[in-house]
Amino acid sequence: MRFLLREAEKIVCAVLFLGMTAIGFANVVVRYGTNYSLAASEELLTNGFLLLTVFGAAIAARRGEHLAVTLVQDLLPRPLRKPLFGLAAGLSALLLGLSAWVSWDVLVTLRGNGMRSYALGIPAWYYQAAVPFGFGLILIRYLQHVREVLGRAPADPPPEAPHA
């Protein structure tokens, strides 16, 4: 169980990517074999990419590999870096919390208005259902990373920020 909780987003991403690959491959085979297309494949792949992005961001947040601009932090004296990191972490957590809340509101709205998807005709909120939980997972994983960074002893070297 501990493995599932620790690696949940990796498992979700692997299953999503495998399913999306199979759907895309099936669409290519059908298109070239029959000159028809699986209309639902576009809908499924588009929403799959959304979920893959959200759960992939949770993986990056846990590793501390999320997008970060560290120019100001790198230029500050060492004693000021930790407070700046704390401020940035607080603002990031606020943004992620608001993203989860707004995506939950979108989910509730979609469920309430009865909107259906264009290709399969299923309730549109089915595709949105995992997004607020994905943002919540990003928030949890990011806070885990922040706890690790702030819990390091002063003698420990600061974490290397990924450079793009």
N, C-alpha and C. Protein backbone atom coordinates (compact mmCIF):
# COMPACT_ATOMS: atom_id res chain seq x y z
N MET A 1 0.83 -1.20 0.00
CA MET A 1 0.00 0.00 0.00
C MET A 1 0.87 1.26 0.00
N ARG A 2 1.96 1.20 0.76
CA ARG A 2 2.86 2.35 0.83
C ARG A 2 3.45 2.65 -0.55
N PHE A 3 3.75 1.59 -1.30
CA PHE A 3 4.27 1.76 -2.67
C PHE A 3 3.25 2.48 -3.54
N LEU A 4 1.99 2.08 -3.45
CA LEU A 4 0.94 2.70 -4.26
C LEU A 4 0.78 4.17 -3.93
N LEU A 5 0.85 4.52 -2.66
CA LEU A 5 0.72 5.93 -2.27
C LEU A 5 1.93 6.75 -2.71
N ARG A 6 3.11 6.15 -2.62
CA ARG A 6 4.33 6.87 -2.99
C ARG A 6 4.45 7.05 -4.50
N GLU A 7 3.97 6.07 -5.24
CA GLU A 7 4.16 6.07 -6.69
C GLU A 7 2.85 6.25 -7.47
N ALA A 8 1.81 6.76 -6.85
CA ALA A 8 0.48 6.83 -7.47
C ALA A 8 0.50 7.57 -8.80
N GLU A 9 1.12 8.73 -8.83
CA GLU A 9 1.11 9.51 -10.06
C GLU A 9 1.91 8.85 -11.17
N LYS A 10 2.96 8.12 -10.83
CA LYS A 10 3.73 7.41 -11.85
C LYS A 10 2.89 6.28 -12.46
N ILE A 11 2.14 5.61 -11.63
CA ILE A 11 1.28 4.52 -12.12
C ILE A 11 0.19 5.09 -13.02
N VAL A 12 -0.43 6.18 -12.59
CA VAL A 12 -1.48 6.82 -13.40
C VAL A 12 -0.91 7.25 -14.74
N CYS A 13 0.27 7.88 -14.74
CA CYS A 13 0.88 8.33 -15.99
C CYS A 13 1.22 7.15 -16.91
N ALA A 14 1.73 6.07 -16.33
CA ALA A 14 2.08 4.90 -17.15
C ALA A 14 0.83 4.29 -17.79
N VAL A 15 -0.23 4.16 -17.02
CA VAL A 15 -1.48 3.59 -17.56
C VAL A 15 -2.07 4.51 -18.62
N LEU A 16 -2.09 5.82 -18.35
CA LEU A 16 -2.60 6.79 -19.33
C LEU A 16 -1.79 6.73 -20.63
N PHE A 17 -0.48 6.73 -20.50
CA PHE A 17 0.36 6.74 -21.70
C PHE A 17 0.19 5.45 -22.50
N LEU A 18 0.09 4.33 -21.81
CA LEU A 18 -0.13 3.06 -22.49
C LEU A 18 -1.47 3.07 -23.22
N GLY A 19 -2.52 3.54 -22.56
CA GLY A 19 -3.84 3.61 -23.17
C GLY A 19 -3.87 4.56 -24.35
N MET A 20 -3.23 5.72 -24.21
CA MET A 20 -3.20 6.70 -25.29
C MET A 20 -2.43 6.17 -26.49
N THR A 21 -1.35 5.45 -26.24
CA THR A 21 -0.58 4.85 -27.33
C THR A 21 -1.42 3.83 -28.08
N ALA A 22 -2.14 3.00 -27.34
CA ALA A 22 -2.99 1.99 -27.97
C ALA A 22 -4.11 2.63 -28.79
N ILE A 23 -4.72 3.67 -28.25
CA ILE A 23 -5.80 4.36 -28.98
C ILE A 23 -5.25 5.02 -30.25
N GLY A 24 -4.13 5.70 -30.13
CA GLY A 24 -3.53 6.34 -31.30
C GLY A 24 -3.12 5.33 -32.36
N PHE A 25 -2.54 4.21 -31.93
CA PHE A 25 -2.15 3.16 -32.88
C PHE A 25 -3.38 2.56 -33.56
N ALA A 26 -4.41 2.29 -32.79
CA ALA A 26 -5.64 1.73 -33.37
C ALA A 26 -6.24 2.69 -34.38
N ASN A 27 -6.20 3.98 -34.10
CA ASN A 27 -6.74 4.97 -35.02
C ASN A 27 -5.95 4.98 -36.33
N VAL A 28 -4.63 4.89 -36.26
CA VAL A 28 -3.81 4.87 -37.47
C VAL A 28 -4.11 3.62 -38.30
N VAL A 29 -4.20 2.47 -37.65
CA VAL A 29 -4.48 1.22 -38.36
C VAL A 29 -5.85 1.29 -39.04
N VAL A 30 -6.86 1.78 -38.32
CA VAL A 30 -8.20 1.87 -38.90
C VAL A 30 -8.22 2.88 -40.04
N ARG A 31 -7.55 4.02 -39.86
CA ARG A 31 -7.56 5.06 -40.89
C ARG A 31 -6.90 4.56 -42.18
N TYR A 32 -5.75 3.92 -42.06
CA TYR A 32 -5.06 3.46 -43.27
C TYR A 32 -5.65 2.17 -43.82
N GLY A 33 -6.31 1.39 -42.99
CA GLY A 33 -6.90 0.14 -43.45
C GLY A 33 -8.28 0.31 -44.08
N THR A 34 -9.02 1.33 -43.66
CA THR A 34 -10.41 1.47 -44.12
C THR A 34 -10.74 2.85 -44.66
N ASN A 35 -9.82 3.79 -44.60
CA ASN A 35 -10.07 5.18 -44.98
C ASN A 35 -11.11 5.86 -44.09
N TYR A 36 -11.40 5.29 -42.94
CA TYR A 36 -12.25 5.92 -41.93
C TYR A 36 -11.39 6.23 -40.71
N SER A 37 -11.94 6.99 -39.81
CA SER A 37 -11.20 7.36 -38.61
C SER A 37 -12.05 7.07 -37.38
N LEU A 38 -11.39 6.79 -36.29
CA LEU A 38 -12.10 6.65 -35.01
C LEU A 38 -12.31 8.06 -34.45
N ALA A 39 -13.51 8.57 -34.58
CA ALA A 39 -13.79 9.96 -34.18
C ALA A 39 -13.52 10.20 -32.70
N ALA A 40 -13.75 9.21 -31.90
CA ALA A 40 -13.58 9.39 -30.46
C ALA A 40 -12.12 9.45 -30.04
N SER A 41 -11.21 9.03 -30.92
CA SER A 41 -9.80 9.01 -30.53
C SER A 41 -9.28 10.41 -30.23
N GLU A 42 -9.69 11.40 -31.01
CA GLU A 42 -9.23 12.77 -30.76
C GLU A 42 -9.68 13.24 -29.37
N GLU A 43 -10.93 12.99 -29.05
CA GLU A 43 -11.47 13.38 -27.75
C GLU A 43 -10.72 12.69 -26.61
N LEU A 44 -10.51 11.40 -26.75
CA LEU A 44 -9.83 10.63 -25.71
C LEU A 44 -8.37 11.05 -25.56
N LEU A 45 -7.68 11.26 -26.68
CA LEU A 45 -6.27 11.64 -26.61
C LEU A 45 -6.09 13.05 -26.06
N THR A 46 -6.96 13.97 -26.45
CA THR A 46 -6.86 15.35 -25.94
C THR A 46 -7.03 15.38 -24.42
N ASN A 47 -8.03 14.68 -23.93
CA ASN A 47 -8.26 14.66 -22.48
C ASN A 47 -7.20 13.83 -21.77
N GLY A 48 -6.68 12.82 -22.44
CA GLY A 48 -5.58 12.05 -21.87
C GLY A 48 -4.34 12.90 -21.69
N PHE A 49 -4.05 13.75 -22.68
CA PHE A 49 -2.90 14.65 -22.55
C PHE A 49 -3.07 15.61 -21.38
N LEU A 50 -4.28 16.10 -21.16
CA LEU A 50 -4.53 16.97 -20.02
C LEU A 50 -4.19 16.26 -18.71
N LEU A 51 -4.71 15.04 -18.57
CA LEU A 51 -4.45 14.29 -17.34
C LEU A 51 -2.99 13.91 -17.21
N LEU A 52 -2.36 13.55 -18.32
CA LEU A 52 -0.94 13.20 -18.29
C LEU A 52 -0.10 14.39 -17.84
N THR A 53 -0.47 15.58 -18.28
CA THR A 53 0.25 16.79 -17.89
C THR A 53 0.09 17.07 -16.40
N VAL A 54 -1.12 16.96 -15.90
CA VAL A 54 -1.37 17.25 -14.49
C VAL A 54 -0.65 16.24 -13.59
N PHE A 55 -0.77 14.96 -13.89
CA PHE A 55 -0.13 13.95 -13.05
C PHE A 55 1.39 13.94 -13.25
N GLY A 56 1.86 14.30 -14.44
CA GLY A 56 3.30 14.45 -14.65
C GLY A 56 3.86 15.61 -13.85
N ALA A 57 3.08 16.66 -13.70
CA ALA A 57 3.50 17.80 -12.88
C ALA A 57 3.63 17.39 -11.41
N ALA A 58 2.81 16.46 -10.97
CA ALA A 58 2.93 15.96 -9.59
C ALA A 58 4.25 15.22 -9.40
N ILE A 59 4.66 14.47 -10.41
CA ILE A 59 5.96 13.78 -10.34
C ILE A 59 7.08 14.81 -10.23
N ALA A 60 7.04 15.83 -11.08
CA ALA A 60 8.07 16.86 -11.07
C ALA A 60 8.08 17.62 -9.75
N ALA A 61 6.92 17.91 -9.20
CA ALA A 61 6.84 18.66 -7.94
C ALA A 61 7.47 17.87 -6.80
N ARG A 62 7.25 16.58 -6.77
CA ARG A 62 7.81 15.74 -5.70
C ARG A 62 9.33 15.69 -5.77
N ARG A 63 9.87 15.69 -6.98
CA ARG A 63 11.31 15.63 -7.18
C ARG A 63 11.98 17.00 -7.08
N GLY A 64 11.17 18.05 -7.03
CA GLY A 64 11.73 19.39 -7.03
C GLY A 64 12.20 19.80 -8.41
N GLU A 65 11.65 19.19 -9.44
CA GLU A 65 12.05 19.48 -10.82
C GLU A 65 11.03 20.32 -11.56
N HIS A 66 10.12 20.93 -10.81
CA HIS A 66 9.12 21.79 -11.42
C HIS A 66 9.80 23.03 -11.97
N LEU A 67 9.10 23.75 -12.81
CA LEU A 67 9.64 24.96 -13.41
C LEU A 67 9.91 25.98 -12.31
N ALA A 68 11.13 26.47 -12.25
CA ALA A 68 11.48 27.46 -11.25
C ALA A 68 12.50 28.42 -11.84
N VAL A 69 12.34 29.69 -11.54
CA VAL A 69 13.31 30.69 -11.93
C VAL A 69 14.09 31.04 -10.67
N THR A 70 15.36 30.68 -10.65
CA THR A 70 16.15 30.83 -9.42
C THR A 70 17.19 31.93 -9.51
N LEU A 71 17.08 32.81 -10.49
CA LEU A 71 18.07 33.87 -10.68
C LEU A 71 18.20 34.73 -9.42
N VAL A 72 17.08 35.21 -8.90
CA VAL A 72 17.12 36.07 -7.72
C VAL A 72 17.66 35.30 -6.52
N GLN A 73 17.19 34.08 -6.34
CA GLN A 73 17.64 33.26 -5.21
C GLN A 73 19.14 33.01 -5.28
N ASP A 74 19.66 32.75 -6.47
CA ASP A 74 21.09 32.49 -6.62
C ASP A 74 21.94 33.73 -6.36
N LEU A 75 21.38 34.91 -6.60
CA LEU A 75 22.13 36.15 -6.38
C LEU A 75 22.11 36.61 -4.93
N LEU A 76 21.18 36.10 -4.13
CA LEU A 76 21.08 36.53 -2.73
C LEU A 76 22.15 35.87 -1.87
N PRO A 77 22.50 36.53 -0.76
CA PRO A 77 23.41 35.87 0.20
C PRO A 77 22.72 34.64 0.78
N ARG A 78 23.52 33.66 1.16
CA ARG A 78 23.00 32.38 1.64
C ARG A 78 21.95 32.52 2.76
N PRO A 79 22.10 33.42 3.74
CA PRO A 79 21.08 33.50 4.80
C PRO A 79 19.70 33.94 4.31
N LEU A 80 19.62 34.63 3.18
CA LEU A 80 18.33 35.11 2.67
C LEU A 80 17.67 34.12 1.72
N ARG A 81 18.38 33.09 1.33
CA ARG A 81 17.82 32.15 0.35
C ARG A 81 16.66 31.33 0.92
N LYS A 82 16.82 30.90 2.16
CA LYS A 82 15.78 30.06 2.76
C LYS A 82 14.47 30.83 2.94
N PRO A 83 14.49 32.07 3.46
CA PRO A 83 13.22 32.82 3.55
C PRO A 83 12.58 33.06 2.18
N LEU A 84 13.39 33.33 1.16
CA LEU A 84 12.84 33.52 -0.17
C LEU A 84 12.22 32.22 -0.69
N PHE A 85 12.91 31.11 -0.43
CA PHE A 85 12.35 29.82 -0.82
C PHE A 85 11.02 29.58 -0.11
N GLY A 86 10.94 29.93 1.17
CA GLY A 86 9.70 29.78 1.92
C GLY A 86 8.57 30.63 1.35
N LEU A 87 8.89 31.87 0.97
CA LEU A 87 7.89 32.74 0.35
C LEU A 87 7.42 32.17 -0.98
N ALA A 88 8.35 31.73 -1.81
CA ALA A 88 8.00 31.15 -3.09
C ALA A 88 7.17 29.88 -2.90
N ALA A 89 7.52 29.09 -1.90
CA ALA A 89 6.77 27.86 -1.63
C ALA A 89 5.35 28.18 -1.18
N GLY A 90 5.20 29.20 -0.36
CA GLY A 90 3.87 29.60 0.09
C GLY A 90 3.01 30.09 -1.06
N LEU A 91 3.59 30.90 -1.93
CA LEU A 91 2.84 31.40 -3.09
C LEU A 91 2.51 30.27 -4.06
N SER A 92 3.43 29.34 -4.24
CA SER A 92 3.16 28.19 -5.11
C SER A 92 2.05 27.33 -4.55
N ALA A 93 2.08 27.10 -3.24
CA ALA A 93 1.02 26.31 -2.60
C ALA A 93 -0.33 27.00 -2.74
N LEU A 94 -0.33 28.32 -2.59
CA LEU A 94 -1.58 29.07 -2.77
C LEU A 94 -2.10 28.92 -4.20
N LEU A 95 -1.23 29.05 -5.19
CA LEU A 95 -1.63 28.90 -6.58
C LEU A 95 -2.17 27.50 -6.86
N LEU A 96 -1.51 26.48 -6.34
CA LEU A 96 -1.98 25.11 -6.55
C LEU A 96 -3.31 24.86 -5.86
N GLY A 97 -3.46 25.39 -4.66
CA GLY A 97 -4.73 25.25 -3.96
C GLY A 97 -5.87 25.93 -4.70
N LEU A 98 -5.60 27.13 -5.21
CA LEU A 98 -6.62 27.83 -6.00
C LEU A 98 -6.93 27.09 -7.30
N SER A 99 -5.92 26.51 -7.93
CA SER A 99 -6.14 25.73 -9.15
C SER A 99 -7.02 24.53 -8.87
N ALA A 100 -6.78 23.86 -7.76
CA ALA A 100 -7.62 22.71 -7.39
C ALA A 100 -9.05 23.17 -7.13
N TRP A 101 -9.21 24.29 -6.45
CA TRP A 101 -10.54 24.81 -6.13
C TRP A 101 -11.30 25.20 -7.40
N VAL A 102 -10.63 25.93 -8.31
CA VAL A 102 -11.28 26.37 -9.55
C VAL A 102 -11.63 25.16 -10.41
N SER A 103 -10.74 24.19 -10.51
CA SER A 103 -11.05 23.01 -11.32
C SER A 103 -12.17 22.19 -10.68
N TRP A 104 -12.29 22.23 -9.35
CA TRP A 104 -13.43 21.58 -8.70
C TRP A 104 -14.72 22.30 -9.06
N ASP A 105 -14.67 23.63 -9.08
CA ASP A 105 -15.83 24.43 -9.44
C ASP A 105 -16.25 24.14 -10.89
N VAL A 106 -15.29 24.00 -11.78
CA VAL A 106 -15.59 23.64 -13.17
C VAL A 106 -16.25 22.27 -13.22
N LEU A 107 -15.74 21.34 -12.44
CA LEU A 107 -16.33 19.99 -12.39
C LEU A 107 -17.79 20.04 -11.93
N VAL A 108 -18.05 20.78 -10.89
CA VAL A 108 -19.42 20.90 -10.37
C VAL A 108 -20.33 21.56 -11.41
N THR A 109 -19.83 22.59 -12.09
CA THR A 109 -20.61 23.27 -13.13
C THR A 109 -20.92 22.32 -14.29
N LEU A 110 -19.91 21.60 -14.75
CA LEU A 110 -20.13 20.65 -15.85
C LEU A 110 -21.13 19.57 -15.46
N ARG A 111 -21.04 19.12 -14.23
CA ARG A 111 -21.97 18.09 -13.77
C ARG A 111 -23.39 18.64 -13.67
N GLY A 112 -23.49 19.89 -13.26
CA GLY A 112 -24.80 20.49 -13.08
C GLY A 112 -25.50 20.85 -14.39
N ASN A 113 -24.73 21.24 -15.41
CA ASN A 113 -25.39 21.68 -16.64
C ASN A 113 -25.64 20.54 -17.63
N GLY A 114 -25.13 19.35 -17.35
CA GLY A 114 -25.43 18.20 -18.19
C GLY A 114 -24.74 18.18 -19.54
N MET A 115 -23.70 18.98 -19.70
CA MET A 115 -22.98 19.03 -20.97
C MET A 115 -22.39 17.65 -21.31
N ARG A 116 -22.43 17.31 -22.60
CA ARG A 116 -21.93 16.02 -23.05
C ARG A 116 -20.75 16.23 -24.00
N SER A 117 -19.89 15.24 -24.08
CA SER A 117 -18.74 15.33 -24.98
C SER A 117 -19.20 15.23 -26.43
N TYR A 118 -18.41 15.77 -27.35
CA TYR A 118 -18.84 15.88 -28.73
C TYR A 118 -18.74 14.58 -29.51
N ALA A 119 -17.83 13.68 -29.19
CA ALA A 119 -17.66 12.47 -29.99
C ALA A 119 -18.37 11.26 -29.38
N LEU A 120 -18.18 11.06 -28.09
CA LEU A 120 -18.77 9.88 -27.45
C LEU A 120 -20.13 10.16 -26.83
N GLY A 121 -20.44 11.42 -26.58
CA GLY A 121 -21.72 11.77 -25.99
C GLY A 121 -21.84 11.42 -24.52
N ILE A 122 -20.70 11.23 -23.85
CA ILE A 122 -20.74 10.94 -22.41
C ILE A 122 -20.72 12.26 -21.65
N PRO A 123 -21.13 12.26 -20.39
CA PRO A 123 -21.08 13.51 -19.62
C PRO A 123 -19.66 14.10 -19.63
N ALA A 124 -19.55 15.38 -19.92
CA ALA A 124 -18.25 16.04 -20.05
C ALA A 124 -17.49 16.07 -18.73
N TRP A 125 -18.20 16.01 -17.63
CA TRP A 125 -17.51 16.08 -16.34
C TRP A 125 -16.67 14.83 -16.07
N TYR A 126 -16.90 13.75 -16.80
CA TYR A 126 -16.07 12.55 -16.63
C TYR A 126 -14.60 12.87 -16.89
N TYR A 127 -14.37 13.68 -17.92
CA TYR A 127 -12.99 14.05 -18.26
C TYR A 127 -12.39 15.00 -17.24
N GLN A 128 -13.22 15.82 -16.62
CA GLN A 128 -12.75 16.82 -15.68
C GLN A 128 -12.57 16.25 -14.27
N ALA A 129 -13.12 15.09 -14.00
CA ALA A 129 -13.18 14.57 -12.63
C ALA A 129 -11.81 14.41 -11.97
N ALA A 130 -10.80 14.03 -12.71
CA ALA A 130 -9.49 13.79 -12.12
C ALA A 130 -8.65 15.06 -11.95
N VAL A 131 -9.02 16.14 -12.62
CA VAL A 131 -8.19 17.35 -12.61
C VAL A 131 -8.06 17.98 -11.22
N PRO A 132 -9.15 18.20 -10.46
CA PRO A 132 -8.95 18.80 -9.13
C PRO A 132 -8.14 17.89 -8.21
N PHE A 133 -8.32 16.59 -8.36
CA PHE A 133 -7.54 15.66 -7.54
C PHE A 133 -6.07 15.68 -7.97
N GLY A 134 -5.84 15.86 -9.27
CA GLY A 134 -4.48 15.99 -9.77
C GLY A 134 -3.79 17.22 -9.21
N PHE A 135 -4.49 18.36 -9.20
CA PHE A 135 -3.91 19.56 -8.61
C PHE A 135 -3.68 19.38 -7.11
N GLY A 136 -4.60 18.69 -6.45
CA GLY A 136 -4.39 18.39 -5.03
C GLY A 136 -3.16 17.52 -4.82
N LEU A 137 -2.95 16.57 -5.70
CA LEU A 137 -1.77 15.71 -5.61
C LEU A 137 -0.50 16.50 -5.87
N ILE A 138 -0.54 17.42 -6.84
CA ILE A 138 0.63 18.28 -7.08
C ILE A 138 0.95 19.07 -5.81
N LEU A 139 -0.09 19.61 -5.18
CA LEU A 139 0.11 20.39 -3.95
C LEU A 139 0.74 19.53 -2.86
N ILE A 140 0.23 18.32 -2.67
CA ILE A 140 0.78 17.43 -1.65
C ILE A 140 2.24 17.10 -1.95
N ARG A 141 2.53 16.74 -3.19
CA ARG A 141 3.91 16.38 -3.57
C ARG A 141 4.84 17.58 -3.45
N TYR A 142 4.35 18.77 -3.79
CA TYR A 142 5.18 19.96 -3.66
C TYR A 142 5.48 20.26 -2.20
N LEU A 143 4.48 20.12 -1.34
CA LEU A 143 4.71 20.35 0.09
C LEU A 143 5.65 19.31 0.67
N GLN A 144 5.63 18.09 0.17
CA GLN A 144 6.60 17.08 0.60
C GLN A 144 8.01 17.53 0.23
N HIS A 145 8.16 18.06 -0.98
CA HIS A 145 9.47 18.55 -1.42
C HIS A 145 9.92 19.72 -0.55
N VAL A 146 9.03 20.65 -0.27
CA VAL A 146 9.36 21.82 0.55
C VAL A 146 9.80 21.37 1.94
N ARG A 147 9.09 20.41 2.51
CA ARG A 147 9.46 19.90 3.83
C ARG A 147 10.86 19.31 3.83
N GLU A 148 11.20 18.59 2.77
CA GLU A 148 12.55 18.02 2.68
C GLU A 148 13.61 19.11 2.57
N VAL A 149 13.35 20.11 1.73
CA VAL A 149 14.33 21.17 1.53
C VAL A 149 14.51 21.99 2.80
N LEU A 150 13.41 22.38 3.44
CA LEU A 150 13.51 23.19 4.65
C LEU A 150 14.01 22.40 5.85
N GLY A 151 13.89 21.09 5.79
CA GLY A 151 14.35 20.24 6.89
C GLY A 151 15.83 19.92 6.84
N ARG A 152 16.51 20.31 5.78
CA ARG A 152 17.95 20.03 5.66
C ARG A 152 18.73 20.86 6.67
N ALA A 153 19.80 20.30 7.14
CA ALA A 153 20.68 21.02 8.06
C ALA A 153 21.38 22.14 7.30
N PRO A 154 21.78 23.22 8.00
CA PRO A 154 22.45 24.34 7.33
C PRO A 154 23.73 23.93 6.60
N ALA A 155 24.39 22.86 7.07
CA ALA A 155 25.63 22.43 6.44
C ALA A 155 25.37 21.72 5.12
N ASP A 156 24.16 21.23 4.94
CA ASP A 156 23.82 20.54 3.69
C ASP A 156 23.87 21.53 2.54
N PRO A 157 24.33 21.09 1.39
CA PRO A 157 24.33 22.01 0.25
C PRO A 157 22.90 22.28 -0.21
N PRO A 158 22.66 23.49 -0.71
CA PRO A 158 21.30 23.79 -1.19
C PRO A 158 20.98 22.94 -2.41
N PRO A 159 19.70 22.68 -2.64
CA PRO A 159 19.33 21.86 -3.78
C PRO A 159 19.69 22.55 -5.09
N GLU A 160 20.17 21.77 -6.02
CA GLU A 160 20.46 22.30 -7.34
C GLU A 160 19.16 22.47 -8.09
N ALA A 161 18.94 23.64 -8.60
CA ALA A 161 17.74 23.88 -9.42
C ALA A 161 18.03 23.41 -10.83
N PRO A 162 17.07 22.73 -11.45
CA PRO A 162 17.29 22.33 -12.84
C PRO A 162 17.38 23.55 -13.73
N HIS A 163 18.37 23.55 -14.57
CA HIS A 163 18.55 24.68 -15.49
C HIS A 163 18.05 24.29 -16.85
N ALA A 164 17.24 25.17 -17.43
CA ALA A 164 16.68 24.89 -18.75
C ALA A 164 17.47 25.56 -19.83
